[in-house]
């Protein structure tokens, strides 16, 4: 299973939903980076992704995007294969 890194805040409903989706697909551990607790991490996230909204999700080295992007990827049948890629 690929490593999943997710930039979040505590109260973001999209972050909560994205984590629920990932857990439902068998992801047992998330590398969660809370940008509300670590403001320097938001600057890092913005530099890497060009986006300032959370969540921002990475599966392995692939930037999936936000919650809507994750839902769309799953809807196309691409989420599980990406998670299982070696």
Foldseek 3Di string as FASTA:
>chain_A
DFAKEWEEADPDPQQVVQVVVVVVLPDPDHNYHYCVVVVVVQVVVCVVPVDNDDTFMDGHNDTQGTSVSQVVCVVVVNPNCSNPPD
